[in-house]
Amino acid sequence: MLIIPAIDIRNGKCVRLTQGDFDSEKIYCIDPVTIAKQWEEQGAAMIHVVDLDGAKNGTLINLEVIKSIVQSVNIPIQVGGGIRNKETVKALLSIGVSRVVLGTVALEDREELKDILKDFALQVAVALDTKNGKLMKQGWIKNTDKSTVITALELERLGVQKFIYTDVVKDGTLTEPNYKEIANLIKNIIVPVIISGGISTIASIKQLKSLEIEGVILGKALYENKLTLKEAINVG
């Protein structure tokens, strides 16, 4: 199972939020490149980067920082946040990003999504950002009435090859994942799923591994030293 450390970028800095609340921001490092190198040195096989400004504003903001991260490490970089059209997908892939994570566009513009998947299906994952079983959009600011599982099935039929599931209620809380909803999602779909949100212990990672997911994304637990990346990789 893949263990993926996260770097969330806001105003060019490495930060973490709690439950996606921008007012809860805590800055961990003014230079995300330093953190990326640290994760690579500690054995990460991939890094998950989120442009928080982009997620909130609907357009990629921290492209230069992302480009610097890609150029500074030799492992794949997965990027999400503010990617709402095919041109942005192409721009990220052109600077060496390995996988692009789509969120809002997958919920709001199926034609644009189909156009992206036509050329880049293997380089795209779709974020299932969920709160109480319903999907969120626009940087987790807006609710939708869309069911997580039903929407995932629809997207799977459109050709989505990978999902990244995050329970917004759990994210950044250092509690534990929503195992029940994760198990229900995995039972209903075929494509691989990566899980994030509330994963803060080795026990959580072991339990998620038993659900046969593809990987987990770790954020605040690493930054707050609740566990080490090496410990997580050894379990994964």
Protein backbone atom coordinates (compact mmCIF):
# COMPACT_ATOMS: atom_id res chain seq x y z
CA MET A 1 0.00 0.00 0.00
CA LEU A 2 1.29 3.40 -1.03
CA ILE A 3 2.03 5.91 1.75
CA ILE A 4 1.84 9.44 0.35
CA PRO A 5 2.86 12.49 2.42
CA ALA A 6 0.97 15.69 1.68
CA ILE A 7 2.13 19.24 1.11
CA ASP A 8 -0.67 21.81 1.26
CA ILE A 9 0.34 25.19 -0.15
CA ARG A 10 -1.21 28.54 0.74
CA ASN A 11 0.43 31.86 -0.09
CA GLY A 12 3.50 29.88 -1.16
CA LYS A 13 3.94 28.27 2.27
CA CYS A 14 3.46 24.72 3.57
CA VAL A 15 0.40 24.75 5.84
CA ARG A 16 -2.29 22.52 7.28
CA LEU A 17 -5.96 23.24 7.87
CA THR A 18 -8.53 21.55 10.12
CA GLN A 19 -11.65 20.27 8.32
CA GLY A 20 -10.75 22.48 5.37
CA ASP A 21 -11.31 25.65 7.40
CA PHE A 22 -9.03 28.39 6.05
CA ASP A 23 -9.21 30.24 9.38
CA SER A 24 -7.58 27.24 11.07
CA GLU A 25 -4.36 27.55 9.05
CA LYS A 26 -1.12 26.55 10.72
CA ILE A 27 2.13 27.28 8.88
CA TYR A 28 4.74 24.52 9.12
CA CYS A 29 7.36 25.76 6.68
CA ILE A 30 7.78 28.83 4.49
CA ASP A 31 9.46 26.70 1.81
CA PRO A 32 7.48 23.69 0.51
CA VAL A 33 10.51 22.55 -1.51
CA THR A 34 12.38 21.85 1.74
CA ILE A 35 9.51 19.65 2.89
CA ALA A 36 9.36 17.82 -0.45
CA LYS A 37 13.05 16.96 -0.24
CA GLN A 38 12.54 15.79 3.33
CA TRP A 39 9.75 13.41 2.34
CA GLU A 40 11.82 12.03 -0.53
CA GLU A 41 14.81 11.45 1.76
CA GLN A 42 12.56 9.61 4.22
CA GLY A 43 11.44 7.15 1.55
CA ALA A 44 8.26 8.57 0.02
CA ALA A 45 7.39 7.05 -3.35
CA MET A 46 5.06 9.95 -4.23
CA ILE A 47 4.05 13.35 -2.82
CA HIS A 48 0.51 14.77 -2.78
CA VAL A 49 0.48 18.54 -3.32
CA VAL A 50 -2.60 20.73 -2.90
CA ASP A 51 -2.87 24.33 -4.04
CA LEU A 52 -5.24 25.59 -1.35
CA ASP A 53 -5.44 29.04 -2.90
CA GLY A 54 -6.35 27.39 -6.19
CA ALA A 55 -9.01 25.21 -4.59
CA LYS A 56 -10.64 28.27 -3.03
CA ASN A 57 -10.34 30.59 -6.04
CA GLY A 58 -11.02 28.10 -8.82
CA THR A 59 -7.78 28.66 -10.68
CA LEU A 60 -4.26 27.38 -10.07
CA ILE A 61 -2.34 29.97 -8.02
CA ASN A 62 0.89 28.34 -6.82
CA LEU A 63 2.14 26.98 -10.15
CA GLU A 64 5.70 28.27 -9.68
CA VAL A 65 5.98 26.64 -6.25
CA ILE A 66 4.66 23.37 -7.68
CA LYS A 67 7.16 23.61 -10.52
CA SER A 68 9.99 24.09 -8.00
CA ILE A 69 8.85 21.01 -6.07
CA VAL A 70 8.75 18.89 -9.25
CA GLN A 71 12.26 20.04 -10.19
CA SER A 72 13.68 19.42 -6.70
CA VAL A 73 12.76 15.73 -6.28
CA ASN A 74 12.94 12.55 -8.34
CA ILE A 75 9.66 10.99 -7.23
CA PRO A 76 6.19 11.47 -8.76
CA ILE A 77 4.14 14.50 -7.72
CA GLN A 78 0.35 14.39 -7.58
CA VAL A 79 -1.36 17.81 -7.63
CA GLY A 80 -4.86 19.04 -6.84
CA GLY A 81 -6.56 22.35 -6.15
CA GLY A 82 -8.14 24.73 -8.66
CA ILE A 83 -7.83 22.45 -11.69
CA ARG A 84 -11.08 23.16 -13.50
CA ASN A 85 -10.23 22.63 -17.19
CA LYS A 86 -8.15 20.66 -19.66
CA GLU A 87 -5.68 23.51 -20.24
CA THR A 88 -4.69 23.49 -16.56
CA VAL A 89 -4.28 19.72 -16.66
CA LYS A 90 -1.98 20.06 -19.67
CA ALA A 91 -0.02 22.89 -18.00
CA LEU A 92 0.67 20.76 -14.93
CA LEU A 93 1.62 17.66 -16.89
CA SER A 94 3.92 19.77 -19.06
CA ILE A 95 6.01 20.83 -16.03
CA GLY A 96 6.44 17.22 -14.93
CA VAL A 97 3.51 16.61 -12.59
CA SER A 98 2.70 12.89 -12.73
CA ARG A 99 -0.96 12.91 -11.73
CA VAL A 100 -3.60 15.62 -11.59
CA VAL A 101 -6.47 15.51 -9.10
CA LEU A 102 -9.82 16.88 -10.28
CA GLY A 103 -12.59 17.87 -7.91
CA THR A 104 -15.16 20.54 -8.70
CA VAL A 105 -14.99 20.11 -12.49
CA ALA A 106 -15.91 16.43 -12.15
CA LEU A 107 -19.09 17.43 -10.32
CA GLU A 108 -20.03 20.52 -12.32
CA ASP A 109 -18.91 19.94 -15.91
CA ARG A 110 -19.14 16.36 -17.16
CA GLU A 111 -18.36 17.39 -20.75
CA GLU A 112 -15.07 18.99 -19.70
CA LEU A 113 -14.31 15.93 -17.59
CA LYS A 114 -14.94 13.60 -20.54
CA ASP A 115 -12.66 15.73 -22.71
CA ILE A 116 -9.90 15.52 -20.09
CA LEU A 117 -10.33 11.76 -19.69
CA LYS A 118 -10.21 11.25 -23.45
CA ASP A 119 -6.53 12.27 -23.48
CA PHE A 120 -5.35 11.94 -19.89
CA ALA A 121 -7.39 9.21 -18.16
CA LEU A 122 -4.31 7.46 -16.76
CA GLN A 123 -2.85 10.72 -15.41
CA VAL A 124 -6.00 11.87 -13.65
CA ALA A 125 -7.66 11.02 -10.33
CA VAL A 126 -10.98 12.40 -9.13
CA ALA A 127 -11.37 13.66 -5.58
CA LEU A 128 -14.36 12.45 -3.62
CA ASP A 129 -14.44 15.06 -0.86
CA THR A 130 -17.31 13.98 1.33
CA LYS A 131 -19.20 15.26 4.35
CA ASN A 132 -21.90 13.12 5.92
CA GLY A 133 -22.16 11.03 2.76
CA LYS A 134 -22.54 14.02 0.41
CA LEU A 135 -19.85 15.49 -1.81
CA MET A 136 -18.27 18.93 -1.28
CA LYS A 137 -16.83 21.24 -3.95
CA GLN A 138 -14.91 24.49 -4.50
CA GLY A 139 -12.23 23.83 -1.90
CA TRP A 140 -14.76 22.23 0.47
CA ILE A 141 -16.57 25.55 0.79
CA LYS A 142 -19.81 24.47 -0.89
CA ASN A 143 -22.05 21.48 -0.18
CA THR A 144 -23.74 19.44 -2.87
CA ASP A 145 -26.63 17.01 -2.68
CA LYS A 146 -24.63 14.38 -4.56
CA SER A 147 -24.20 10.98 -2.95
CA THR A 148 -20.58 9.88 -2.70
CA VAL A 149 -21.19 6.30 -3.85
CA ILE A 150 -23.72 7.08 -6.60
CA THR A 151 -21.48 9.81 -8.01
CA ALA A 152 -18.43 7.53 -7.87
CA LEU A 153 -20.31 4.92 -9.89
CA GLU A 154 -21.31 7.54 -12.46
CA LEU A 155 -17.74 8.78 -12.76
CA GLU A 156 -16.41 5.25 -13.04
CA ARG A 157 -18.71 4.68 -16.01
CA LEU A 158 -17.34 7.85 -17.62
CA GLY A 159 -13.83 6.38 -17.47
CA VAL A 160 -12.31 7.68 -14.24
CA GLN A 161 -9.41 5.37 -13.36
CA LYS A 162 -8.68 6.42 -9.77
CA PHE A 163 -10.39 8.14 -6.82
CA ILE A 164 -9.02 10.02 -3.83
CA TYR A 165 -11.51 9.87 -0.97
CA THR A 166 -11.41 12.42 1.85
CA ASP A 167 -13.86 12.75 4.70
CA VAL A 168 -13.88 16.51 5.27
CA VAL A 169 -15.16 16.10 8.83
CA LYS A 170 -12.12 13.97 9.69
CA ASP A 171 -9.45 15.88 7.77
CA GLY A 172 -6.83 17.55 9.95
CA THR A 173 -8.46 16.35 13.17
CA LEU A 174 -5.91 13.66 14.11
CA THR A 175 -8.78 11.28 14.91
CA GLU A 176 -9.47 8.32 12.63
CA PRO A 177 -10.88 7.70 9.16
CA ASN A 178 -14.53 7.03 8.36
CA TYR A 179 -14.01 3.28 7.97
CA LYS A 180 -17.71 2.50 7.44
CA GLU A 181 -18.12 4.87 4.50
CA ILE A 182 -14.77 3.85 3.02
CA ALA A 183 -15.70 0.16 3.16
CA ASN A 184 -19.06 0.91 1.54
CA LEU A 185 -17.40 2.89 -1.26
CA ILE A 186 -14.85 0.17 -1.99
CA LYS A 187 -17.58 -2.48 -2.00
CA ASN A 188 -19.47 -0.62 -4.71
CA ILE A 189 -16.76 0.47 -7.14
CA ILE A 190 -14.01 -1.25 -9.11
CA VAL A 191 -11.27 1.34 -9.64
CA PRO A 192 -8.53 1.92 -7.03
CA VAL A 193 -9.05 4.35 -4.17
CA ILE A 194 -6.56 6.40 -2.17
CA ILE A 195 -7.76 7.52 1.27
CA SER A 196 -7.07 10.69 3.24
CA GLY A 197 -8.56 12.44 6.23
CA GLY A 198 -8.07 11.69 9.93
CA ILE A 199 -5.32 9.09 9.52
CA SER A 200 -3.13 9.66 12.56
CA THR A 201 -1.99 6.27 13.90
CA ILE A 202 -0.29 3.10 12.72
CA ALA A 203 -3.44 1.22 13.77
CA SER A 204 -5.49 3.34 11.35
CA ILE A 205 -3.09 2.57 8.51
CA LYS A 206 -3.26 -1.17 9.28
CA GLN A 207 -7.06 -1.10 9.32
CA LEU A 208 -7.19 0.76 6.01
CA LYS A 209 -4.72 -1.71 4.50
CA SER A 210 -7.13 -4.52 5.42
CA LEU A 211 -9.75 -2.82 3.22
CA GLU A 212 -7.44 -3.33 0.22
CA ILE A 213 -7.13 0.30 -0.78
CA GLU A 214 -4.34 1.53 -3.06
CA GLY A 215 -2.82 4.04 -0.67
CA VAL A 216 -3.20 6.64 2.05
CA ILE A 217 -2.33 10.32 2.16
CA LEU A 218 -0.83 11.54 5.43
CA GLY A 219 -0.81 15.18 6.43
CA LYS A 220 -1.11 16.67 9.89
CA ALA A 221 -0.14 13.43 11.64
CA LEU A 222 3.32 13.72 10.06
CA TYR A 223 3.68 17.44 10.71
CA GLU A 224 2.60 17.05 14.34
CA ASN A 225 4.91 14.04 14.84
CA LYS A 226 2.10 11.65 15.70
CA LEU A 227 3.90 9.11 13.54
CA THR A 228 6.87 9.08 11.21
CA LEU A 229 6.84 8.52 7.49
CA LYS A 230 9.22 5.58 7.92
CA GLU A 231 6.88 3.89 10.41
CA ALA A 232 3.95 4.36 8.06
CA ILE A 233 5.88 3.01 5.05
CA ASN A 234 6.95 -0.06 7.02
CA VAL A 235 3.31 -0.86 7.80
CA GLY A 236 2.06 -0.04 4.31
